[in-house]
Every structure is written in C-alpha cells, then in structure tokens.
Amino acid sequence: MISLTLTGELEERLKAAADEADASAPEIVARAVEHYLELREARLNSARAAAAEADKGYFVSQAKMHAWMDSWGTADELPPPDADITPASRMHEAGLSSIDGS
C-alpha cells in the first residue's frame, strides 16, 4: 500500500477526472502510474537498444548525412545513407589491421 499527499488543486482535478470517468480516485491514480511506468520502460528499452546498436560501431558520417538531408525535397532526393564508418574503417584509419589481415 502506498500513500501520497496531493495539493488541493491536484486533488480537485483528480476527483473531477474520477467523476468524469465513473471511477474512483485510486483507480485513476493506479491507471496513471501504470501508464507512466509503461512509457518509462518503453523509453528505457529504446535507449538500451540504441546503445547496443551504437556499441556495434557502425555509423553514418556527417558528410553523408548532410548530403542526404540536403537532397530532401529535391528532384534528386537521395535514399538514406548506409553506414560508412565501421570498426574496420576506423582500424584502417588508425593504421591497424584486423586479425584476419584485412
């Protein structure tokens, strides 16, 4: 069981929402908390997925992104660019080679 204190204005808004929804104030609060937690979990999962994708090391260079964006709305609009910065390209630029010699 969780207890919370609401400001007078918030309590009145909650009561009005409960009346309009033909529900009790605790039901409205429970739905709101559930909705908040679902949105929070979705954002966290999205951020974790994006971080995992970034950890793979494949990115689109700024130059390719600008060229693509500059083409928007033109007769020669470009398709979204493929990653041109890869772990292998970064190793090559650093003068290193991969284990397989590439």
N, C-alpha and C. Protein backbone atom coordinates (compact mmCIF):
# COMPACT_ATOMS: atom_id res chain seq x y z
N MET A 1 0.84 -1.18 0.00
CA MET A 1 0.00 0.00 0.00
C MET A 1 0.89 1.24 0.00
N ILE A 2 0.59 2.16 -0.87
CA ILE A 2 1.33 3.42 -0.97
C ILE A 2 0.39 4.56 -0.63
N SER A 3 0.90 5.50 0.11
CA SER A 3 0.12 6.67 0.47
C SER A 3 0.79 7.89 -0.15
N LEU A 4 -0.02 8.84 -0.61
CA LEU A 4 0.56 10.06 -1.15
C LEU A 4 -0.31 11.25 -0.78
N THR A 5 0.33 12.41 -0.77
CA THR A 5 -0.36 13.65 -0.45
C THR A 5 -0.42 14.49 -1.72
N LEU A 6 -1.60 14.97 -2.03
CA LEU A 6 -1.80 15.80 -3.21
C LEU A 6 -2.10 17.22 -2.79
N THR A 7 -1.69 18.17 -3.62
CA THR A 7 -2.05 19.56 -3.37
C THR A 7 -3.56 19.69 -3.55
N GLY A 8 -4.12 20.71 -3.00
CA GLY A 8 -5.57 20.92 -3.10
C GLY A 8 -6.05 20.94 -4.54
N GLU A 9 -5.33 21.68 -5.40
CA GLU A 9 -5.73 21.78 -6.81
C GLU A 9 -5.64 20.41 -7.50
N LEU A 10 -4.57 19.69 -7.25
CA LEU A 10 -4.38 18.38 -7.89
C LEU A 10 -5.44 17.40 -7.40
N GLU A 11 -5.76 17.47 -6.12
CA GLU A 11 -6.79 16.59 -5.58
C GLU A 11 -8.14 16.87 -6.23
N GLU A 12 -8.45 18.15 -6.42
CA GLU A 12 -9.71 18.51 -7.06
C GLU A 12 -9.75 18.04 -8.52
N ARG A 13 -8.65 18.19 -9.21
CA ARG A 13 -8.58 17.71 -10.60
C ARG A 13 -8.75 16.20 -10.66
N LEU A 14 -8.14 15.51 -9.71
CA LEU A 14 -8.26 14.05 -9.65
C LEU A 14 -9.71 13.65 -9.40
N LYS A 15 -10.35 14.30 -8.46
CA LYS A 15 -11.76 13.99 -8.17
C LYS A 15 -12.64 14.24 -9.39
N ALA A 16 -12.38 15.35 -10.10
CA ALA A 16 -13.17 15.66 -11.29
C ALA A 16 -12.94 14.60 -12.37
N ALA A 17 -11.69 14.19 -12.55
CA ALA A 17 -11.39 13.15 -13.55
C ALA A 17 -12.05 11.84 -13.18
N ALA A 18 -12.04 11.51 -11.90
CA ALA A 18 -12.68 10.26 -11.45
C ALA A 18 -14.18 10.32 -11.69
N ASP A 19 -14.78 11.45 -11.40
CA ASP A 19 -16.22 11.60 -11.64
C ASP A 19 -16.54 11.46 -13.13
N GLU A 20 -15.75 12.10 -13.97
CA GLU A 20 -15.99 12.03 -15.42
C GLU A 20 -15.80 10.63 -15.96
N ALA A 21 -14.87 9.87 -15.36
CA ALA A 21 -14.57 8.52 -15.84
C ALA A 21 -15.41 7.46 -15.14
N ASP A 22 -16.26 7.91 -14.22
CA ASP A 22 -17.07 6.98 -13.43
C ASP A 22 -16.17 5.93 -12.77
N ALA A 23 -15.10 6.43 -12.17
CA ALA A 23 -14.14 5.57 -11.48
C ALA A 23 -13.76 6.23 -10.16
N SER A 24 -13.10 5.47 -9.32
CA SER A 24 -12.65 6.04 -8.05
C SER A 24 -11.31 6.75 -8.27
N ALA A 25 -11.00 7.68 -7.37
CA ALA A 25 -9.71 8.38 -7.45
C ALA A 25 -8.54 7.39 -7.40
N PRO A 26 -8.56 6.38 -6.51
CA PRO A 26 -7.46 5.41 -6.52
C PRO A 26 -7.33 4.66 -7.84
N GLU A 27 -8.45 4.38 -8.50
CA GLU A 27 -8.37 3.72 -9.82
C GLU A 27 -7.69 4.62 -10.84
N ILE A 28 -8.03 5.90 -10.82
CA ILE A 28 -7.41 6.86 -11.75
C ILE A 28 -5.92 6.95 -11.46
N VAL A 29 -5.55 7.03 -10.19
CA VAL A 29 -4.13 7.12 -9.83
C VAL A 29 -3.40 5.84 -10.27
N ALA A 30 -3.99 4.70 -10.03
CA ALA A 30 -3.36 3.43 -10.43
C ALA A 30 -3.15 3.37 -11.94
N ARG A 31 -4.16 3.81 -12.71
CA ARG A 31 -4.02 3.83 -14.17
C ARG A 31 -2.92 4.78 -14.60
N ALA A 32 -2.87 5.95 -13.95
CA ALA A 32 -1.84 6.94 -14.29
C ALA A 32 -0.44 6.42 -13.99
N VAL A 33 -0.28 5.78 -12.86
CA VAL A 33 1.03 5.22 -12.50
C VAL A 33 1.40 4.11 -13.48
N GLU A 34 0.45 3.25 -13.80
CA GLU A 34 0.72 2.17 -14.76
C GLU A 34 1.14 2.74 -16.11
N HIS A 35 0.42 3.75 -16.58
CA HIS A 35 0.74 4.39 -17.86
C HIS A 35 2.13 5.01 -17.82
N TYR A 36 2.44 5.73 -16.73
CA TYR A 36 3.76 6.33 -16.57
C TYR A 36 4.85 5.27 -16.62
N LEU A 37 4.66 4.16 -15.88
CA LEU A 37 5.68 3.12 -15.84
C LEU A 37 5.86 2.45 -17.20
N GLU A 38 4.76 2.24 -17.93
CA GLU A 38 4.86 1.66 -19.27
C GLU A 38 5.65 2.58 -20.20
N LEU A 39 5.37 3.88 -20.17
CA LEU A 39 6.10 4.84 -21.01
C LEU A 39 7.58 4.89 -20.61
N ARG A 40 7.84 4.90 -19.31
CA ARG A 40 9.21 4.93 -18.81
C ARG A 40 9.98 3.69 -19.26
N GLU A 41 9.36 2.52 -19.13
CA GLU A 41 10.00 1.27 -19.55
C GLU A 41 10.26 1.27 -21.05
N ALA A 42 9.31 1.78 -21.82
CA ALA A 42 9.49 1.84 -23.27
C ALA A 42 10.66 2.75 -23.63
N ARG A 43 10.76 3.91 -22.98
CA ARG A 43 11.89 4.83 -23.23
C ARG A 43 13.21 4.18 -22.85
N LEU A 44 13.25 3.53 -21.70
CA LEU A 44 14.49 2.88 -21.27
C LEU A 44 14.88 1.75 -22.23
N ASN A 45 13.91 0.96 -22.65
CA ASN A 45 14.20 -0.12 -23.60
C ASN A 45 14.70 0.43 -24.92
N SER A 46 14.11 1.52 -25.36
CA SER A 46 14.54 2.15 -26.61
C SER A 46 15.97 2.68 -26.47
N ALA A 47 16.27 3.30 -25.34
CA ALA A 47 17.63 3.81 -25.11
C ALA A 47 18.63 2.67 -25.03
N ARG A 48 18.26 1.58 -24.37
CA ARG A 48 19.16 0.42 -24.29
C ARG A 48 19.41 -0.18 -25.67
N ALA A 49 18.36 -0.28 -26.48
CA ALA A 49 18.51 -0.82 -27.83
C ALA A 49 19.40 0.09 -28.67
N ALA A 50 19.22 1.40 -28.55
CA ALA A 50 20.05 2.34 -29.30
C ALA A 50 21.50 2.24 -28.86
N ALA A 51 21.74 2.11 -27.55
CA ALA A 51 23.11 1.98 -27.05
C ALA A 51 23.75 0.69 -27.56
N ALA A 52 22.98 -0.40 -27.56
CA ALA A 52 23.51 -1.67 -28.06
C ALA A 52 23.85 -1.57 -29.55
N GLU A 53 23.01 -0.87 -30.29
CA GLU A 53 23.28 -0.68 -31.72
C GLU A 53 24.53 0.17 -31.92
N ALA A 54 24.67 1.22 -31.13
CA ALA A 54 25.85 2.08 -31.24
C ALA A 54 27.12 1.33 -30.85
N ASP A 55 26.99 0.42 -29.88
CA ASP A 55 28.15 -0.36 -29.46
C ASP A 55 28.71 -1.24 -30.58
N LYS A 56 27.89 -1.50 -31.60
CA LYS A 56 28.37 -2.31 -32.74
C LYS A 56 29.40 -1.53 -33.56
N GLY A 57 29.35 -0.19 -33.48
CA GLY A 57 30.37 0.63 -34.12
C GLY A 57 30.10 1.02 -35.56
N TYR A 58 28.87 0.91 -36.03
CA TYR A 58 28.54 1.30 -37.41
C TYR A 58 27.78 2.63 -37.38
N PHE A 59 28.33 3.62 -38.08
CA PHE A 59 27.74 4.95 -38.08
C PHE A 59 27.75 5.53 -39.48
N VAL A 60 26.91 6.55 -39.68
CA VAL A 60 26.89 7.31 -40.92
C VAL A 60 27.66 8.60 -40.67
N SER A 61 28.59 8.92 -41.56
CA SER A 61 29.40 10.12 -41.39
C SER A 61 28.54 11.38 -41.52
N GLN A 62 29.05 12.44 -40.95
CA GLN A 62 28.37 13.72 -41.03
C GLN A 62 28.22 14.16 -42.49
N ALA A 63 29.23 13.92 -43.30
CA ALA A 63 29.18 14.34 -44.71
C ALA A 63 28.05 13.62 -45.44
N LYS A 64 27.93 12.31 -45.21
CA LYS A 64 26.86 11.56 -45.88
C LYS A 64 25.48 12.00 -45.37
N MET A 65 25.38 12.26 -44.08
CA MET A 65 24.10 12.71 -43.53
C MET A 65 23.71 14.06 -44.12
N HIS A 66 24.67 14.98 -44.20
CA HIS A 66 24.37 16.31 -44.77
C HIS A 66 23.98 16.20 -46.24
N ALA A 67 24.68 15.37 -46.99
CA ALA A 67 24.34 15.21 -48.41
C ALA A 67 22.92 14.67 -48.55
N TRP A 68 22.59 13.69 -47.72
CA TRP A 68 21.24 13.12 -47.76
C TRP A 68 20.20 14.16 -47.38
N MET A 69 20.43 14.86 -46.28
CA MET A 69 19.47 15.86 -45.83
C MET A 69 19.34 17.02 -46.81
N ASP A 70 20.45 17.41 -47.43
CA ASP A 70 20.40 18.49 -48.42
C ASP A 70 19.58 18.11 -49.65
N SER A 71 19.44 16.80 -49.88
CA SER A 71 18.69 16.35 -51.06
C SER A 71 17.19 16.28 -50.80
N TRP A 72 16.78 16.39 -49.55
CA TRP A 72 15.35 16.29 -49.24
C TRP A 72 14.57 17.38 -49.98
N GLY A 73 13.46 16.97 -50.55
CA GLY A 73 12.59 17.91 -51.23
C GLY A 73 13.06 18.31 -52.61
N THR A 74 14.14 17.69 -53.09
CA THR A 74 14.62 18.00 -54.44
C THR A 74 14.19 16.89 -55.39
N ALA A 75 14.36 17.13 -56.67
CA ALA A 75 14.02 16.11 -57.66
C ALA A 75 14.98 14.93 -57.58
N ASP A 76 16.17 15.15 -57.03
CA ASP A 76 17.18 14.10 -56.93
C ASP A 76 17.39 13.67 -55.48
N GLU A 77 16.30 13.48 -54.77
CA GLU A 77 16.41 13.10 -53.36
C GLU A 77 17.12 11.75 -53.23
N LEU A 78 18.08 11.71 -52.34
CA LEU A 78 18.89 10.51 -52.13
C LEU A 78 18.21 9.56 -51.15
N PRO A 79 18.49 8.27 -51.27
CA PRO A 79 17.98 7.32 -50.27
C PRO A 79 18.78 7.49 -48.97
N PRO A 80 18.26 7.02 -47.86
CA PRO A 80 19.02 7.11 -46.62
C PRO A 80 20.40 6.45 -46.79
N PRO A 81 21.43 7.07 -46.27
CA PRO A 81 22.78 6.53 -46.47
C PRO A 81 23.06 5.30 -45.63
N ASP A 82 23.93 4.46 -46.13
CA ASP A 82 24.41 3.31 -45.37
C ASP A 82 25.57 3.76 -44.50
N ALA A 83 25.83 2.99 -43.48
CA ALA A 83 26.96 3.30 -42.59
C ALA A 83 28.25 3.28 -43.38
N ASP A 84 29.05 4.33 -43.22
CA ASP A 84 30.35 4.37 -43.88
C ASP A 84 31.47 4.44 -42.84
N ILE A 85 31.11 4.51 -41.59
CA ILE A 85 32.08 4.44 -40.51
C ILE A 85 31.84 3.11 -39.82
N THR A 86 32.82 2.24 -39.94
CA THR A 86 32.69 0.88 -39.40
C THR A 86 33.90 0.59 -38.52
N PRO A 87 33.83 -0.46 -37.72
CA PRO A 87 35.01 -0.81 -36.94
C PRO A 87 36.24 -1.03 -37.83
N ALA A 88 36.05 -1.67 -38.99
CA ALA A 88 37.18 -1.92 -39.90
C ALA A 88 37.73 -0.62 -40.47
N SER A 89 36.86 0.32 -40.83
CA SER A 89 37.35 1.58 -41.41
C SER A 89 38.11 2.39 -40.36
N ARG A 90 37.66 2.33 -39.10
CA ARG A 90 38.38 3.04 -38.04
C ARG A 90 39.74 2.40 -37.79
N MET A 91 39.82 1.07 -37.86
CA MET A 91 41.10 0.39 -37.69
C MET A 91 42.05 0.77 -38.81
N HIS A 92 41.52 0.81 -40.04
CA HIS A 92 42.34 1.16 -41.20
C HIS A 92 42.88 2.58 -41.05
N GLU A 93 42.01 3.51 -40.65
CA GLU A 93 42.44 4.90 -40.47
C GLU A 93 43.50 5.01 -39.39
N ALA A 94 43.45 4.14 -38.41
CA ALA A 94 44.43 4.17 -37.32
C ALA A 94 45.71 3.43 -37.67
N GLY A 95 45.73 2.86 -38.89
CA GLY A 95 46.92 2.13 -39.31
C GLY A 95 47.02 0.75 -38.73
N LEU A 96 45.90 0.21 -38.28
CA LEU A 96 45.87 -1.13 -37.70
C LEU A 96 45.22 -2.09 -38.69
N SER A 97 45.43 -3.34 -38.50
CA SER A 97 44.75 -4.34 -39.33
C SER A 97 43.99 -5.29 -38.42
N SER A 98 42.98 -5.90 -38.96
CA SER A 98 42.20 -6.85 -38.18
C SER A 98 42.97 -8.15 -38.08
N ILE A 99 42.48 -9.04 -37.26
CA ILE A 99 43.14 -10.32 -37.05
C ILE A 99 43.26 -11.12 -38.34
N ASP A 100 42.26 -11.01 -39.23
CA ASP A 100 42.32 -11.77 -40.49
C ASP A 100 43.17 -11.08 -41.55
N GLY A 101 43.81 -9.98 -41.17
CA GLY A 101 44.73 -9.32 -42.09
C GLY A 101 44.11 -8.29 -43.00
N SER A 102 42.81 -8.04 -42.88
CA SER A 102 42.16 -7.06 -43.77
C SER A 102 42.32 -5.66 -43.24
